[in-house]
Amino acid sequence: MRLVSRFGYAANQIRRDRPLTHEELMHHVPGIFGEEKHTSRSQNYTYIPTITVLESLQREGFQPFFACQTRVRD
């Protein structure tokens, strides 16, 4: 099965036939563990850490098998 979107060569990716561990995610897509909003965001922006969302989904039985992080544009 192929993704609808294709990520360029500059993307960090990991795909497994089993759920990914936090260690694998940290190594390949460290942005998922970010703890603060970007400085360009206003005070009205509510930051929700991606890892918080992922862990909530895991408690409901969902697991990550693929993760991707692209480079940031300035």
PDB file of N, CA and C in Angstrom:
ATOM      1  N   MET A   1       0.848  -1.172   0.000  1.00  0.00           N
ATOM      2  CA  MET A   1       0.000   0.000   0.000  1.00  0.00           C
ATOM      3  C   MET A   1       0.892   1.234   0.000  1.00  0.00           C
ATOM      4  N   ARG A   2       0.562   2.231  -0.806  1.00  0.00           N
ATOM      5  CA  ARG A   2       1.332   3.465  -0.888  1.00  0.00           C
ATOM      6  C   ARG A   2       0.543   4.606  -0.271  1.00  0.00           C
ATOM      7  N   LEU A   3       1.279   5.534   0.287  1.00  0.00           N
ATOM      8  CA  LEU A   3       0.642   6.735   0.818  1.00  0.00           C
ATOM      9  C   LEU A   3       0.142   7.599  -0.321  1.00  0.00           C
ATOM     10  N   VAL A   4      -0.912   8.333  -0.063  1.00  0.00           N
ATOM     11  CA  VAL A   4      -1.416   9.273  -1.055  1.00  0.00           C
ATOM     12  C   VAL A   4      -0.389  10.376  -1.265  1.00  0.00           C
ATOM     13  N   SER A   5       0.205  10.840  -0.185  1.00  0.00           N
ATOM     14  CA  SER A   5       1.243  11.865  -0.258  1.00  0.00           C
ATOM     15  C   SER A   5       2.596  11.188  -0.340  1.00  0.00           C
ATOM     16  N   ARG A   6       3.497  11.812  -1.064  1.00  0.00           N
ATOM     17  CA  ARG A   6       4.860  11.309  -1.102  1.00  0.00           C
ATOM     18  C   ARG A   6       5.752  12.358  -0.484  1.00  0.00           C
ATOM     19  N   PHE A   7       6.655  11.926   0.360  1.00  0.00           N
ATOM     20  CA  PHE A   7       7.560  12.844   1.015  1.00  0.00           C
ATOM     21  C   PHE A   7       8.868  12.860   0.248  1.00  0.00           C
ATOM     22  N   GLY A   8       9.482  14.032   0.171  1.00  0.00           N
ATOM     23  CA  GLY A   8      10.732  14.183  -0.561  1.00  0.00           C
ATOM     24  C   GLY A   8      11.894  13.498   0.129  1.00  0.00           C
ATOM     25  N   TYR A   9      13.033  13.576  -0.510  1.00  0.00           N
ATOM     26  CA  TYR A   9      14.232  12.930   0.007  1.00  0.00           C
ATOM     27  C   TYR A   9      14.690  13.540   1.328  1.00  0.00           C
ATOM     28  N   ALA A  10      14.233  14.745   1.642  1.00  0.00           N
ATOM     29  CA  ALA A  10      14.672  15.441   2.850  1.00  0.00           C
ATOM     30  C   ALA A  10      13.871  15.038   4.085  1.00  0.00           C
ATOM     31  N   ALA A  11      13.015  14.065   3.947  1.00  0.00           N
ATOM     32  CA  ALA A  11      12.162  13.671   5.074  1.00  0.00           C
ATOM     33  C   ALA A  11      12.771  12.492   5.828  1.00  0.00           C
ATOM     34  N   ASN A  12      12.679  12.543   7.147  1.00  0.00           N
ATOM     35  CA  ASN A  12      13.028  11.391   7.981  1.00  0.00           C
ATOM     36  C   ASN A  12      11.784  10.527   8.071  1.00  0.00           C
ATOM     37  N   GLN A  13      11.944   9.236   7.795  1.00  0.00           N
ATOM     38  CA  GLN A  13      10.796   8.335   7.813  1.00  0.00           C
ATOM     39  C   GLN A  13      11.155   7.035   8.515  1.00  0.00           C
ATOM     40  N   ILE A  14      10.158   6.412   9.080  1.00  0.00           N
ATOM     41  CA  ILE A  14      10.318   5.063   9.618  1.00  0.00           C
ATOM     42  C   ILE A  14       8.998   4.327   9.426  1.00  0.00           C
ATOM     43  N   ARG A  15       9.104   3.083   8.977  1.00  0.00           N
ATOM     44  CA  ARG A  15       7.927   2.230   8.773  1.00  0.00           C
ATOM     45  C   ARG A  15       8.291   0.822   9.249  1.00  0.00           C
ATOM     46  N   ARG A  16       7.411   0.224   9.985  1.00  0.00           N
ATOM     47  CA  ARG A  16       7.615  -1.136  10.492  1.00  0.00           C
ATOM     48  C   ARG A  16       6.319  -1.933  10.353  1.00  0.00           C
ATOM     49  N   ASP A  17       6.453  -3.258  10.425  1.00  0.00           N
ATOM     50  CA  ASP A  17       5.294  -4.156  10.410  1.00  0.00           C
ATOM     51  C   ASP A  17       4.762  -4.403  11.816  1.00  0.00           C
ATOM     52  N   ARG A  18       5.295  -3.676  12.768  1.00  0.00           N
ATOM     53  CA  ARG A  18       4.877  -3.759  14.167  1.00  0.00           C
ATOM     54  C   ARG A  18       4.796  -2.331  14.689  1.00  0.00           C
ATOM     55  N   PRO A  19       4.133  -2.110  15.800  1.00  0.00           N
ATOM     56  CA  PRO A  19       4.058  -0.743  16.336  1.00  0.00           C
ATOM     57  C   PRO A  19       5.450  -0.182  16.644  1.00  0.00           C
ATOM     58  N   LEU A  20       5.620   1.099  16.361  1.00  0.00           N
ATOM     59  CA  LEU A  20       6.889   1.775  16.626  1.00  0.00           C
ATOM     60  C   LEU A  20       7.036   2.060  18.114  1.00  0.00           C
ATOM     61  N   THR A  21       8.263   1.959  18.610  1.00  0.00           N
ATOM     62  CA  THR A  21       8.539   2.274  20.010  1.00  0.00           C
ATOM     63  C   THR A  21       8.837   3.766  20.143  1.00  0.00           C
ATOM     64  N   HIS A  22       8.776   4.271  21.373  1.00  0.00           N
ATOM     65  CA  HIS A  22       9.138   5.670  21.611  1.00  0.00           C
ATOM     66  C   HIS A  22      10.591   5.923  21.230  1.00  0.00           C
ATOM     67  N   GLU A  23      11.466   4.951  21.450  1.00  0.00           N
ATOM     68  CA  GLU A  23      12.876   5.105  21.100  1.00  0.00           C
ATOM     69  C   GLU A  23      13.048   5.259  19.592  1.00  0.00           C
ATOM     70  N   GLU A  24      12.331   4.463  18.808  1.00  0.00           N
ATOM     71  CA  GLU A  24      12.401   4.579  17.348  1.00  0.00           C
ATOM     72  C   GLU A  24      11.856   5.926  16.892  1.00  0.00           C
ATOM     73  N   LEU A  25      10.757   6.344  17.478  1.00  0.00           N
ATOM     74  CA  LEU A  25      10.192   7.646  17.122  1.00  0.00           C
ATOM     75  C   LEU A  25      11.164   8.767  17.471  1.00  0.00           C
ATOM     76  N   MET A  26      11.785   8.709  18.630  1.00  0.00           N
ATOM     77  CA  MET A  26      12.736   9.739  19.047  1.00  0.00           C
ATOM     78  C   MET A  26      13.916   9.816  18.078  1.00  0.00           C
ATOM     79  N   HIS A  27      14.374   8.677  17.609  1.00  0.00           N
ATOM     80  CA  HIS A  27      15.519   8.648  16.700  1.00  0.00           C
ATOM     81  C   HIS A  27      15.172   9.196  15.319  1.00  0.00           C
ATOM     82  N   HIS A  28      14.035   8.828  14.778  1.00  0.00           N
ATOM     83  CA  HIS A  28      13.686   9.170  13.398  1.00  0.00           C
ATOM     84  C   HIS A  28      12.845  10.433  13.262  1.00  0.00           C
ATOM     85  N   VAL A  29      11.986  10.708  14.223  1.00  0.00           N
ATOM     86  CA  VAL A  29      11.097  11.879  14.153  1.00  0.00           C
ATOM     87  C   VAL A  29      11.065  12.595  15.507  1.00  0.00           C
ATOM     88  N   PRO A  30      12.171  13.209  15.895  1.00  0.00           N
ATOM     89  CA  PRO A  30      12.250  13.823  17.229  1.00  0.00           C
ATOM     90  C   PRO A  30      11.253  14.956  17.450  1.00  0.00           C
ATOM     91  N   GLY A  31      10.754  15.554  16.379  1.00  0.00           N
ATOM     92  CA  GLY A  31       9.793  16.641  16.518  1.00  0.00           C
ATOM     93  C   GLY A  31       8.517  16.241  17.232  1.00  0.00           C
ATOM     94  N   ILE A  32       8.206  14.965  17.231  1.00  0.00           N
ATOM     95  CA  ILE A  32       6.995  14.486  17.901  1.00  0.00           C
ATOM     96  C   ILE A  32       7.057  14.716  19.411  1.00  0.00           C
ATOM     97  N   PHE A  33       8.270  14.876  19.943  1.00  0.00           N
ATOM     98  CA  PHE A  33       8.451  15.059  21.379  1.00  0.00           C
ATOM     99  C   PHE A  33       8.639  16.521  21.766  1.00  0.00           C
ATOM    100  N   GLY A  34       8.404  17.447  20.836  1.00  0.00           N
ATOM    101  CA  GLY A  34       8.539  18.872  21.136  1.00  0.00           C
ATOM    102  C   GLY A  34       7.642  19.278  22.290  1.00  0.00           C
ATOM    103  N   GLU A  35       8.152  20.169  23.142  1.00  0.00           N
ATOM    104  CA  GLU A  35       7.406  20.544  24.345  1.00  0.00           C
ATOM    105  C   GLU A  35       6.898  21.975  24.339  1.00  0.00           C
ATOM    106  N   GLU A  36       7.248  22.756  23.338  1.00  0.00           N
ATOM    107  CA  GLU A  36       6.831  24.159  23.314  1.00  0.00           C
ATOM    108  C   GLU A  36       6.331  24.539  21.931  1.00  0.00           C
ATOM    109  N   LYS A  37       5.469  25.539  21.893  1.00  0.00           N
ATOM    110  CA  LYS A  37       5.024  26.063  20.608  1.00  0.00           C
ATOM    111  C   LYS A  37       6.159  26.873  19.991  1.00  0.00           C
ATOM    112  N   HIS A  38       6.124  27.012  18.681  1.00  0.00           N
ATOM    113  CA  HIS A  38       7.115  27.814  17.970  1.00  0.00           C
ATOM    114  C   HIS A  38       6.966  29.272  18.375  1.00  0.00           C
ATOM    115  N   THR A  39       8.070  29.976  18.433  1.00  0.00           N
ATOM    116  CA  THR A  39       8.044  31.376  18.878  1.00  0.00           C
ATOM    117  C   THR A  39       7.224  32.276  17.966  1.00  0.00           C
ATOM    118  N   SER A  40       6.966  31.842  16.743  1.00  0.00           N
ATOM    119  CA  SER A  40       6.179  32.663  15.822  1.00  0.00           C
ATOM    120  C   SER A  40       4.679  32.599  16.117  1.00  0.00           C
ATOM    121  N   ARG A  41       4.245  31.720  17.015  1.00  0.00           N
ATOM    122  CA  ARG A  41       2.822  31.570  17.325  1.00  0.00           C
ATOM    123  C   ARG A  41       2.377  32.611  18.346  1.00  0.00           C
ATOM    124  N   SER A  42       1.146  33.056  18.213  1.00  0.00           N
ATOM    125  CA  SER A  42       0.608  34.086  19.107  1.00  0.00           C
ATOM    126  C   SER A  42       0.250  33.497  20.468  1.00  0.00           C
ATOM    127  N   GLN A  43      -0.076  34.380  21.399  1.00  0.00           N
ATOM    128  CA  GLN A  43      -0.494  33.945  22.734  1.00  0.00           C
ATOM    129  C   GLN A  43      -1.818  33.191  22.679  1.00  0.00           C
ATOM    130  N   ASN A  44      -2.600  33.433  21.641  1.00  0.00           N
ATOM    131  CA  ASN A  44      -3.898  32.768  21.503  1.00  0.00           C
ATOM    132  C   ASN A  44      -3.772  31.320  21.029  1.00  0.00           C
ATOM    133  N   TYR A  45      -2.598  30.949  20.537  1.00  0.00           N
ATOM    134  CA  TYR A  45      -2.359  29.597  20.029  1.00  0.00           C
ATOM    135  C   TYR A  45      -2.206  28.637  21.205  1.00  0.00           C
ATOM    136  N   THR A  46      -2.974  27.582  21.203  1.00  0.00           N
ATOM    137  CA  THR A  46      -2.869  26.563  22.245  1.00  0.00           C
ATOM    138  C   THR A  46      -2.040  25.409  21.712  1.00  0.00           C
ATOM    139  N   TYR A  47      -0.926  25.159  22.356  1.00  0.00           N
ATOM    140  CA  TYR A  47      -0.029  24.092  21.927  1.00  0.00           C
ATOM    141  C   TYR A  47      -0.434  22.777  22.582  1.00  0.00           C
ATOM    142  N   ILE A  48      -0.595  21.758  21.780  1.00  0.00           N
ATOM    143  CA  ILE A  48      -0.859  20.406  22.272  1.00  0.00           C
ATOM    144  C   ILE A  48       0.273  19.531  21.748  1.00  0.00           C
ATOM    145  N   PRO A  49       1.119  19.006  22.627  1.00  0.00           N
ATOM    146  CA  PRO A  49       2.241  18.186  22.173  1.00  0.00           C
ATOM    147  C   PRO A  49       1.765  16.962  21.383  1.00  0.00           C
ATOM    148  N   THR A  50       2.433  16.681  20.287  1.00  0.00           N
ATOM    149  CA  THR A  50       2.073  15.541  19.451  1.00  0.00           C
ATOM    150  C   THR A  50       2.153  14.239  20.230  1.00  0.00           C
ATOM    151  N   ILE A  51       3.147  14.119  21.100  1.00  0.00           N
ATOM    152  CA  ILE A  51       3.285  12.880  21.864  1.00  0.00           C
ATOM    153  C   ILE A  51       2.082  12.671  22.783  1.00  0.00           C
ATOM    154  N   THR A  52       1.482  13.747  23.272  1.00  0.00           N
ATOM    155  CA  THR A  52       0.275  13.639  24.102  1.00  0.00           C
ATOM    156  C   THR A  52      -0.878  13.060  23.288  1.00  0.00           C
ATOM    157  N   VAL A  53      -1.019  13.528  22.061  1.00  0.00           N
ATOM    158  CA  VAL A  53      -2.064  13.013  21.166  1.00  0.00           C
ATOM    159  C   VAL A  53      -1.802  11.538  20.868  1.00  0.00           C
ATOM    160  N   LEU A  54      -0.549  11.211  20.533  1.00  0.00           N
ATOM    161  CA  LEU A  54      -0.200   9.827  20.219  1.00  0.00           C
ATOM    162  C   LEU A  54      -0.476   8.896  21.399  1.00  0.00           C
ATOM    163  N   GLU A  55      -0.064   9.296  22.584  1.00  0.00           N
ATOM    164  CA  GLU A  55      -0.286   8.446  23.755  1.00  0.00           C
ATOM    165  C   GLU A  55      -1.776   8.281  24.067  1.00  0.00           C
ATOM    166  N   SER A  56      -2.563   9.304  23.819  1.00  0.00           N
ATOM    167  CA  SER A  56      -4.018   9.189  24.003  1.00  0.00           C
ATOM    168  C   SER A  56      -4.599   8.186  23.014  1.00  0.00           C
ATOM    169  N   LEU A  57      -4.137   8.234  21.771  1.00  0.00           N
ATOM    170  CA  LEU A  57      -4.595   7.272  20.767  1.00  0.00           C
ATOM    171  C   LEU A  57      -4.158   5.851  21.127  1.00  0.00           C
ATOM    172  N   GLN A  58      -2.947   5.715  21.655  1.00  0.00           N
ATOM    173  CA  GLN A  58      -2.466   4.386  22.054  1.00  0.00           C
ATOM    174  C   GLN A  58      -3.325   3.800  23.172  1.00  0.00           C
ATOM    175  N   ARG A  59      -3.764   4.628  24.094  1.00  0.00           N
ATOM    176  CA  ARG A  59      -4.637   4.138  25.167  1.00  0.00           C
ATOM    177  C   ARG A  59      -5.966   3.624  24.614  1.00  0.00           C
ATOM    178  N   GLU A  60      -6.356   4.123  23.451  1.00  0.00           N
ATOM    179  CA  GLU A  60      -7.600   3.679  22.809  1.00  0.00           C
ATOM    180  C   GLU A  60      -7.372   2.512  21.850  1.00  0.00           C
ATOM    181  N   GLY A  61      -6.124   2.022  21.773  1.00  0.00           N
ATOM    182  CA  GLY A  61      -5.845   0.852  20.946  1.00  0.00           C
ATOM    183  C   GLY A  61      -5.185   1.134  19.612  1.00  0.00           C
ATOM    184  N   PHE A  62      -4.937   2.388  19.285  1.00  0.00           N
ATOM    185  CA  PHE A  62      -4.273   2.735  18.032  1.00  0.00           C
ATOM    186  C   PHE A  62      -2.763   2.719  18.240  1.00  0.00           C
ATOM    187  N   GLN A  63      -2.011   2.306  17.210  1.00  0.00           N
ATOM    188  CA  GLN A  63      -0.554   2.235  17.306  1.00  0.00           C
ATOM    189  C   GLN A  63       0.080   2.845  16.055  1.00  0.00           C
ATOM    190  N   PRO A  64       1.252   3.480  16.193  1.00  0.00           N
ATOM    191  CA  PRO A  64       1.942   4.023  15.020  1.00  0.00           C
ATOM    192  C   PRO A  64       2.777   2.936  14.330  1.00  0.00           C
ATOM    193  N   PHE A  65       2.623   2.833  13.020  1.00  0.00           N
ATOM    194  CA  PHE A  65       3.424   1.920  12.214  1.00  0.00           C
ATOM    195  C   PHE A  65       4.285   2.696  11.223  1.00  0.00           C
ATOM    196  N   PHE A  66       3.986   3.973  11.042  1.00  0.00           N
ATOM    197  CA  PHE A  66       4.729   4.834  10.119  1.00  0.00           C
ATOM    198  C   PHE A  66       4.784   6.227  10.720  1.00  0.00           C
ATOM    199  N   ALA A  67       5.930   6.868  10.567  1.00  0.00           N
ATOM    200  CA  ALA A  67       6.078   8.254  11.011  1.00  0.00           C
ATOM    201  C   ALA A  67       7.022   8.962  10.055  1.00  0.00           C
ATOM    202  N   CYS A  68       6.787  10.246   9.858  1.00  0.00           N
ATOM    203  CA  CYS A  68       7.592  11.033   8.934  1.00  0.00           C
ATOM    204  C   CYS A  68       7.746  12.439   9.484  1.00  0.00           C
ATOM    205  N   GLN A  69       8.935  12.997   9.316  1.00  0.00           N
ATOM    206  CA  GLN A  69       9.196  14.378   9.715  1.00  0.00           C
ATOM    207  C   GLN A  69       9.960  15.041   8.582  1.00  0.00           C
ATOM    208  N   THR A  70       9.404  16.107   8.047  1.00  0.00           N
ATOM    209  CA  THR A  70      10.079  16.825   6.969  1.00  0.00           C
ATOM    210  C   THR A  70      10.890  17.979   7.530  1.00  0.00           C
ATOM    211  N   ARG A  71      11.762  18.508   6.700  1.00  0.00           N
ATOM    212  CA  ARG A  71      12.562  19.650   7.132  1.00  0.00           C
ATOM    213  C   ARG A  71      11.698  20.896   7.176  1.00  0.00           C
ATOM    214  N   VAL A  72      12.078  21.807   8.040  1.00  0.00           N
ATOM    215  CA  VAL A  72      11.332  23.044   8.238  1.00  0.00           C
ATOM    216  C   VAL A  72      11.735  24.072   7.191  1.00  0.00           C
ATOM    217  N   ARG A  73      10.743  24.793   6.700  1.00  0.00           N
ATOM    218  CA  ARG A  73      11.029  25.922   5.806  1.00  0.00           C
ATOM    219  C   ARG A  73      11.112  27.177   6.639  1.00  0.00           C
ATOM    220  N   ASP A  74      12.093  28.009   6.379  1.00  0.00           N
ATOM    221  CA  ASP A  74      12.207  29.288   7.096  1.00  0.00           C
ATOM    222  C   ASP A  74      11.472  30.381   6.362  1.00  0.00           C
TER     223      ASP A  74
END
